[in-house]
Structure formats: structure tokens, C-alpha cells
Amino acid sequence: YEIEDHLSLVDLPQKLRGFRKFISSWIYTGEFNVVVDVGPKSTVNTLVEAIKKIGINKIDYVLLTHIHIDHAGGVGEFLKHFNAKIMVHDKGKKHLINPQKLWEGSLKVLGEIAKAYGEIIPVPESAFIDRIDGIEKIDTPGHAPHHSSYVIGDYLFAGEAFGVFHEIRNELYQRPATPPKFILEVAESSIEKLESLGKKKVCFGHFGMYKDSLDVAKYAKKQLKKWVQTIFDEVSGGESDPEKITENVKRYMLENDARFSNYKLLDDDIKEREDYFIRNSIMGMLEYVKETML
């Protein structure tokens, strides 16, 4: 999708039910050609075809918001097509150079989803670059300790720092993306760093763009606190079954979190996909509550 001059979004649908309009890979053209988040290995060819379709023969840089398999798993495969330099959080480099632990961890956490995404292949150490004139890299470890966000002009490529976002039928769907290990204070600090940039056009890892990063940031902070407090209330009230906690928190938030309540507008297959990741996010917050609030 051509979003604006110099900016295109490539949807990378997977061969999994509901995994469409989920993974955003961004192509920025101008003083340099950039891809933000190449996605998994399974859809590298889709991305390459999209790049060629818009008339680009060279990619100068790949910016990775983090090294989770759905954002960075295909970068080694992508380098077979383009001789690009890679920018990623310092904590992520070693796992892309030698991805065996990253792949094993992906299999352990995601199982069949990881297999559908495709095995992660190594990236040569010489491919990495630490600084690019015209691109600001910001350490935002709220979603994962190896998470970075990037600013190019008016665009903020925020990965999952604000969670997951969709515009549906003129309504907004927004939810936390807080898998273990989640630390509320780190997530809030990450969001505040991005707030300090002022109003930007925010480009999400999942999914699309929104014109006002400050609006999204303000809601994300409020949302995180509300979800964590609700999980605390569940546990302190005596509930210990993670599945019941997930069910109760989801039900409560559908009634009391305005943007999350637009879950009801999602297609059924996308609801199923979201259910899986909603549970992951609640498990991250549940672990935090047990370790720090009880």
C-alpha cells in the first residue's frame, strides 16, 4: 500500500489463519532507501516483489525494531536479494549473527507459528551498522529488551512500543503487546521517550500508520496501567488459574477499554489470532504482578 509519497506499507500475510493485516514491513524512499522490519523468512519473496514493483533496485538500510521472528526472522534471507546494511539494538546483534538460540526460543514460545514463519538464518557480522545520518535510533525496551524505535523526518517507526493497533471502520483498535518478561516501568519509560519527540506519524509493526503518535502514546500508557491493575485485582481477589484470569480480564476490558472494545469489529479469523496474543500479553503482565505487586 502506498501510504504517502516516499512511504509504502507491505502486508506480509502468513499461511496461518488470521495472520493477515498483521505484519507491517515499511519501505521508505528518499535520500536513501530503507526497509523497516523485513518480517519472517516465509514472506521475504513477497517483500522483495513489492520492492521491485515500486521500482526500487537498491535497499541501503534495513532497520529492525527488534529481533522477534515476525519482525527480523527473514533478514538473513533478505540479504540474499539486497546488499543492505542492518541497524538493530546492540542486544540483538549476536542473536542474528548466530541465531540458533533465537530460533530455539521461537520454537519453544510459538511452536507451529514459528515453523510457519521459517527458520532464521545467520547474518554476517559485517552487515551491521551503528549510525546512519538522517535516522534517529531510540532505545525503547518496553516490549522486549532488544527493542528500538526509529525516526526519519515526520515518521516514527515504533515497532510494538505502543502495542498493536488497527483502524477498523473509522474506529481504533489498540491493545498491549506485553509478552514475558514485562516490566511496567520500562514500558512506560519507553513510551515517554517517544512522547518527548512531539507529534509524529506513527508506523506500527502491527499494523499500519496513524497520524498522531502523541494520541497513541497517551492511550497506551493509560491502557497498560488499567490492564495491570485489573490483573492485580484478579489475583489479589483469589483467582490463580491463568486461563480464568485471561478470560476475566479480556471480558472486563471489552466493556471498559474503549479502543480494545473494538475487538468486536475484527473479522472472526483475526479475532482468533488476537486471542492467542492477548493471552501472551496478559501472561506477561501476570508475571509482573506476581513478582512486584503482591
Protein backbone atom coordinates (compact mmCIF):
# COMPACT_ATOMS: atom_id res chain seq x y z
CA TYR A 1 0.00 0.00 0.00
CA GLU A 2 1.35 3.45 -0.88
CA ILE A 3 0.69 5.35 2.33
CA GLU A 4 2.28 8.66 1.36
CA ASP A 5 4.93 9.90 -1.04
CA HIS A 6 8.15 8.06 -0.15
CA LEU A 7 6.38 5.62 2.20
CA SER A 8 4.79 2.25 1.44
CA LEU A 9 3.42 -0.49 3.66
CA VAL A 10 3.82 -4.13 2.67
CA ASP A 11 1.41 -6.55 4.31
CA LEU A 12 3.10 -9.92 4.89
CA PRO A 13 0.27 -12.44 5.29
CA GLN A 14 1.29 -15.85 6.57
CA LYS A 15 -0.11 -19.30 5.85
CA LEU A 16 -1.83 -19.25 9.21
CA ARG A 17 -5.48 -18.49 9.95
CA GLY A 18 -5.93 -14.79 10.73
CA PHE A 19 -2.34 -13.78 10.03
CA ARG A 20 -3.20 -11.03 7.56
CA LYS A 21 -3.12 -7.29 8.10
CA PHE A 22 -0.79 -8.21 10.93
CA ILE A 23 2.88 -7.80 9.97
CA SER A 24 3.82 -4.35 8.67
CA SER A 25 7.00 -4.07 6.64
CA TRP A 26 7.77 -0.48 5.68
CA ILE A 27 9.59 0.86 2.63
CA TYR A 28 10.88 4.43 2.86
CA THR A 29 12.43 6.08 -0.19
CA GLY A 30 14.15 9.42 -0.47
CA GLU A 31 17.71 10.38 0.34
CA PHE A 32 18.18 6.66 0.98
CA ASN A 33 16.06 3.55 0.54
CA VAL A 34 15.10 1.84 3.80
CA VAL A 35 13.11 -1.21 4.83
CA VAL A 36 11.84 -1.27 8.41
CA ASP A 37 11.25 -4.84 9.65
CA VAL A 38 11.59 -7.43 6.91
CA GLY A 39 9.25 -9.91 8.61
CA PRO A 40 9.84 -13.68 8.75
CA LYS A 41 11.67 -15.79 6.20
CA SER A 42 8.40 -17.22 4.85
CA THR A 43 7.41 -13.94 3.17
CA VAL A 44 10.76 -12.46 2.14
CA ASN A 45 9.88 -13.13 -1.50
CA THR A 46 6.63 -11.19 -1.05
CA LEU A 47 8.61 -8.24 0.28
CA VAL A 48 11.20 -8.43 -2.49
CA GLU A 49 8.47 -8.48 -5.13
CA ALA A 50 6.84 -5.42 -3.54
CA ILE A 51 10.14 -3.53 -3.55
CA LYS A 52 10.67 -4.29 -7.23
CA LYS A 53 7.07 -3.39 -8.06
CA ILE A 54 7.53 0.16 -6.77
CA GLY A 55 10.64 0.49 -8.89
CA ILE A 56 13.48 0.17 -6.37
CA ASN A 57 16.62 -1.72 -7.31
CA LYS A 58 18.66 -0.95 -4.19
CA ILE A 59 17.99 -1.04 -0.46
CA ASP A 60 20.57 0.90 1.53
CA TYR A 61 19.47 0.04 5.06
CA VAL A 62 17.29 -2.38 7.00
CA LEU A 63 16.07 -1.07 10.35
CA LEU A 64 14.92 -3.77 12.75
CA THR A 65 12.71 -2.63 15.61
CA HIS A 66 13.51 -5.88 17.43
CA ILE A 67 14.64 -9.43 16.73
CA HIS A 68 11.43 -11.37 17.28
CA ILE A 69 10.95 -13.80 14.41
CA ASP A 70 7.94 -12.00 12.91
CA HIS A 71 9.97 -8.79 12.55
CA ALA A 72 13.55 -9.91 11.90
CA GLY A 73 13.48 -13.63 11.19
CA GLY A 74 13.87 -13.11 7.44
CA VAL A 75 16.76 -10.66 7.47
CA GLY A 76 19.42 -13.24 6.58
CA GLU A 77 17.30 -14.40 3.64
CA PHE A 78 16.63 -10.78 2.62
CA LEU A 79 20.37 -10.11 2.31
CA LYS A 80 20.50 -12.69 -0.48
CA HIS A 81 18.49 -10.18 -2.55
CA PHE A 82 19.85 -6.81 -1.41
CA ASN A 83 23.29 -5.82 -0.14
CA ALA A 84 21.90 -3.66 2.65
CA LYS A 85 23.37 -2.58 5.97
CA ILE A 86 21.46 -3.60 9.10
CA MET A 87 20.66 -1.48 12.14
CA VAL A 88 19.36 -3.21 15.27
CA HIS A 89 19.58 -2.85 19.05
CA ASP A 90 23.02 -3.82 20.35
CA LYS A 91 21.46 -6.66 22.36
CA GLY A 92 20.06 -8.17 19.18
CA LYS A 93 23.18 -8.37 17.00
CA LYS A 94 24.71 -11.53 18.45
CA HIS A 95 21.40 -13.39 18.12
CA LEU A 96 21.19 -12.57 14.42
CA ILE A 97 24.84 -13.44 13.78
CA ASN A 98 24.33 -16.80 15.49
CA PRO A 99 20.55 -17.34 15.53
CA GLN A 100 20.39 -20.86 16.95
CA LYS A 101 19.17 -19.77 20.41
CA LEU A 102 16.76 -17.28 18.87
CA TRP A 103 15.31 -19.99 16.64
CA GLU A 104 15.05 -22.49 19.50
CA GLY A 105 13.40 -19.86 21.69
CA SER A 106 10.94 -19.01 18.92
CA LEU A 107 10.03 -22.70 18.58
CA LYS A 108 9.55 -23.02 22.34
CA VAL A 109 7.31 -19.96 22.63
CA LEU A 110 5.43 -20.06 19.31
CA GLY A 111 5.58 -23.71 18.25
CA GLU A 112 3.80 -24.25 14.93
CA ILE A 113 3.63 -20.49 14.33
CA ALA A 114 7.44 -20.33 14.37
CA LYS A 115 7.64 -23.24 11.92
CA ALA A 116 5.28 -21.41 9.57
CA TYR A 117 7.43 -18.29 9.81
CA GLY A 118 10.52 -20.25 8.76
CA GLU A 119 13.92 -20.94 10.26
CA ILE A 120 16.18 -17.96 10.99
CA ILE A 121 19.46 -17.98 9.04
CA PRO A 122 22.65 -16.15 10.10
CA VAL A 123 23.52 -12.56 9.24
CA PRO A 124 27.21 -11.76 8.64
CA GLU A 125 28.73 -9.53 11.31
CA SER A 126 29.98 -7.18 8.58
CA ALA A 127 26.38 -6.29 7.65
CA PHE A 128 25.69 -4.31 10.82
CA ILE A 129 25.96 -0.55 11.13
CA ASP A 130 25.61 1.57 14.29
CA ARG A 131 24.81 5.03 12.93
CA ILE A 132 23.05 6.49 9.89
CA ASP A 133 22.87 10.20 9.18
CA GLY A 134 19.23 11.25 8.95
CA ILE A 135 17.89 8.39 11.08
CA GLU A 136 17.45 8.64 14.84
CA LYS A 137 17.54 5.37 16.76
CA ILE A 138 15.83 5.31 20.17
CA ASP A 139 16.19 2.58 22.79
CA THR A 140 12.62 1.51 23.70
CA PRO A 141 12.85 -1.80 25.61
CA GLY A 142 9.23 -1.94 26.84
CA HIS A 143 8.10 -4.73 24.50
CA ALA A 144 11.45 -6.55 24.56
CA PRO A 145 14.95 -5.67 25.88
CA HIS A 146 16.24 -5.55 22.28
CA HIS A 147 13.58 -3.12 21.00
CA SER A 148 14.44 0.13 19.22
CA SER A 149 12.31 2.77 17.52
CA TYR A 150 13.41 4.97 14.64
CA VAL A 151 12.64 8.49 13.46
CA ILE A 152 13.01 9.57 9.84
CA GLY A 153 11.65 13.08 9.34
CA ASP A 154 7.98 13.14 10.37
CA TYR A 155 7.77 9.35 10.66
CA LEU A 156 8.14 7.37 13.87
CA PHE A 157 8.67 3.65 13.30
CA ALA A 158 7.59 2.41 16.72
CA GLY A 159 7.53 -1.37 16.31
CA GLU A 160 5.48 -2.59 19.28
CA ALA A 161 6.39 0.16 21.75
CA PHE A 162 2.74 1.30 21.79
CA GLY A 163 1.29 -2.19 21.38
CA VAL A 164 -0.85 -3.42 18.48
CA PHE A 165 -3.05 -1.03 16.52
CA HIS A 166 -5.65 -1.19 13.75
CA GLU A 167 -8.03 1.28 12.16
CA ILE A 168 -11.31 -0.53 11.51
CA ARG A 169 -14.43 1.10 10.08
CA ASN A 170 -13.36 4.55 11.30
CA GLU A 171 -12.71 3.16 14.78
CA LEU A 172 -9.41 2.42 16.54
CA TYR A 173 -8.37 -0.93 17.98
CA GLN A 174 -5.40 -0.79 20.35
CA ARG A 175 -4.10 -3.39 22.79
CA PRO A 176 -0.94 -4.00 24.84
CA ALA A 177 1.86 -6.15 23.43
CA THR A 178 3.48 -7.28 26.67
CA PRO A 179 4.81 -10.84 26.48
CA PRO A 180 7.03 -12.09 29.30
CA LYS A 181 9.27 -10.65 30.56
CA PHE A 182 7.23 -7.47 31.02
CA ILE A 183 8.18 -4.63 33.36
CA LEU A 184 5.60 -1.85 33.59
CA GLU A 185 8.08 0.90 34.48
CA VAL A 186 10.31 0.05 31.50
CA ALA A 187 7.34 0.06 29.13
CA GLU A 188 6.15 3.41 30.47
CA SER A 189 9.64 4.89 30.15
CA SER A 190 9.85 3.71 26.54
CA ILE A 191 6.53 5.34 25.70
CA GLU A 192 7.60 8.58 27.41
CA LYS A 193 10.77 8.72 25.32
CA LEU A 194 8.62 8.62 22.19
CA GLU A 195 6.20 11.19 23.63
CA SER A 196 9.11 13.59 24.09
CA LEU A 197 9.62 13.65 20.30
CA GLY A 198 6.37 15.54 19.81
CA LYS A 199 3.66 14.66 17.33
CA LYS A 200 4.80 12.23 14.61
CA LYS A 201 3.13 9.98 12.07
CA VAL A 202 3.50 6.64 13.81
CA CYS A 203 4.18 3.50 11.77
CA PHE A 204 3.36 0.29 13.64
CA GLY A 205 4.89 -3.15 13.45
CA HIS A 206 1.28 -4.39 13.78
CA PHE A 207 -0.41 -2.74 11.73
CA GLY A 208 -0.46 0.39 9.60
CA MET A 209 0.06 4.10 10.27
CA TYR A 210 -1.70 6.73 12.38
CA LYS A 211 -1.31 10.48 12.10
CA ASP A 212 -0.84 11.29 15.80
CA SER A 213 1.79 9.46 17.85
CA LEU A 214 1.01 11.53 20.95
CA ASP A 215 -2.61 10.35 20.97
CA VAL A 216 -1.50 6.72 20.68
CA ALA A 217 1.19 7.14 23.36
CA LYS A 218 -1.19 8.74 25.83
CA TYR A 219 -3.68 5.92 25.35
CA ALA A 220 -1.02 3.21 25.56
CA LYS A 221 0.16 4.42 28.99
CA LYS A 222 -3.37 4.62 30.33
CA GLN A 223 -4.17 1.21 28.89
CA LEU A 224 -1.14 -0.50 30.42
CA LYS A 225 -2.00 0.78 33.89
CA LYS A 226 -5.62 -0.29 33.56
CA TRP A 227 -4.74 -3.82 32.42
CA VAL A 228 -2.09 -4.31 35.11
CA GLN A 229 -4.44 -3.05 37.83
CA THR A 230 -7.21 -5.37 36.63
CA ILE A 231 -4.87 -8.36 36.71
CA PHE A 232 -3.74 -7.35 40.21
CA ASP A 233 -7.39 -7.19 41.31
CA GLU A 234 -8.00 -10.68 39.90
CA VAL A 235 -5.01 -12.23 41.70
CA SER A 236 -5.46 -10.39 44.99
CA GLY A 237 -9.12 -11.41 44.87
CA GLY A 238 -8.05 -15.05 44.96
CA GLU A 239 -8.02 -16.12 41.30
CA SER A 240 -4.97 -18.24 40.46
CA ASP A 241 -5.91 -20.02 37.22
CA PRO A 242 -4.14 -18.23 34.32
CA GLU A 243 -6.88 -19.23 31.88
CA LYS A 244 -9.63 -17.83 34.09
CA ILE A 245 -7.60 -14.67 34.65
CA THR A 246 -7.20 -14.29 30.89
CA GLU A 247 -10.93 -14.82 30.34
CA ASN A 248 -11.95 -12.42 33.11
CA VAL A 249 -9.52 -9.67 32.12
CA LYS A 250 -10.49 -9.88 28.47
CA ARG A 251 -14.20 -9.72 29.32
CA TYR A 252 -13.68 -6.75 31.62
CA MET A 253 -11.56 -4.87 29.08
CA LEU A 254 -14.08 -5.42 26.30
CA GLU A 255 -16.50 -3.46 28.47
CA ASN A 256 -14.12 -0.89 29.97
CA ASP A 257 -11.29 -0.23 27.49
CA ALA A 258 -12.75 1.85 24.65
CA ARG A 259 -10.18 1.01 21.99
CA PHE A 260 -9.77 -2.63 22.93
CA SER A 261 -13.55 -2.99 22.83
CA ASN A 262 -13.34 -2.55 19.05
CA TYR A 263 -12.15 -6.14 19.03
CA LYS A 264 -15.81 -6.79 18.21
CA LEU A 265 -15.27 -5.21 14.76
CA LEU A 266 -12.48 -7.62 13.79
CA ASP A 267 -13.12 -10.47 11.37
CA ASP A 268 -13.51 -13.85 13.06
CA ASP A 269 -10.16 -15.23 11.86
CA ILE A 270 -8.34 -12.12 13.07
CA LYS A 271 -10.13 -12.41 16.43
CA GLU A 272 -8.69 -15.93 16.76
CA ARG A 273 -5.19 -14.63 16.04
CA GLU A 274 -5.66 -11.81 18.52
CA ASP A 275 -6.91 -14.19 21.21
CA TYR A 276 -3.58 -16.00 21.10
CA PHE A 277 -1.55 -12.82 21.51
CA ILE A 278 -3.94 -11.25 24.04
CA ARG A 279 -3.25 -14.25 26.26
CA ASN A 280 0.52 -13.79 25.78
CA SER A 281 0.23 -10.16 26.82
CA ILE A 282 -1.82 -10.98 29.90
CA MET A 283 0.72 -13.66 30.88
CA GLY A 284 3.49 -11.04 30.74
CA MET A 285 1.53 -8.68 32.96
CA LEU A 286 0.51 -11.51 35.30
CA GLU A 287 4.16 -12.43 35.85
CA TYR A 288 4.93 -8.76 36.60
CA VAL A 289 2.05 -8.52 39.07
CA LYS A 290 3.14 -11.64 40.93
CA GLU A 291 6.77 -10.54 41.13
CA THR A 292 6.37 -6.86 42.03
CA MET A 293 2.88 -6.07 43.34
CA LEU A 294 1.96 -8.97 45.65
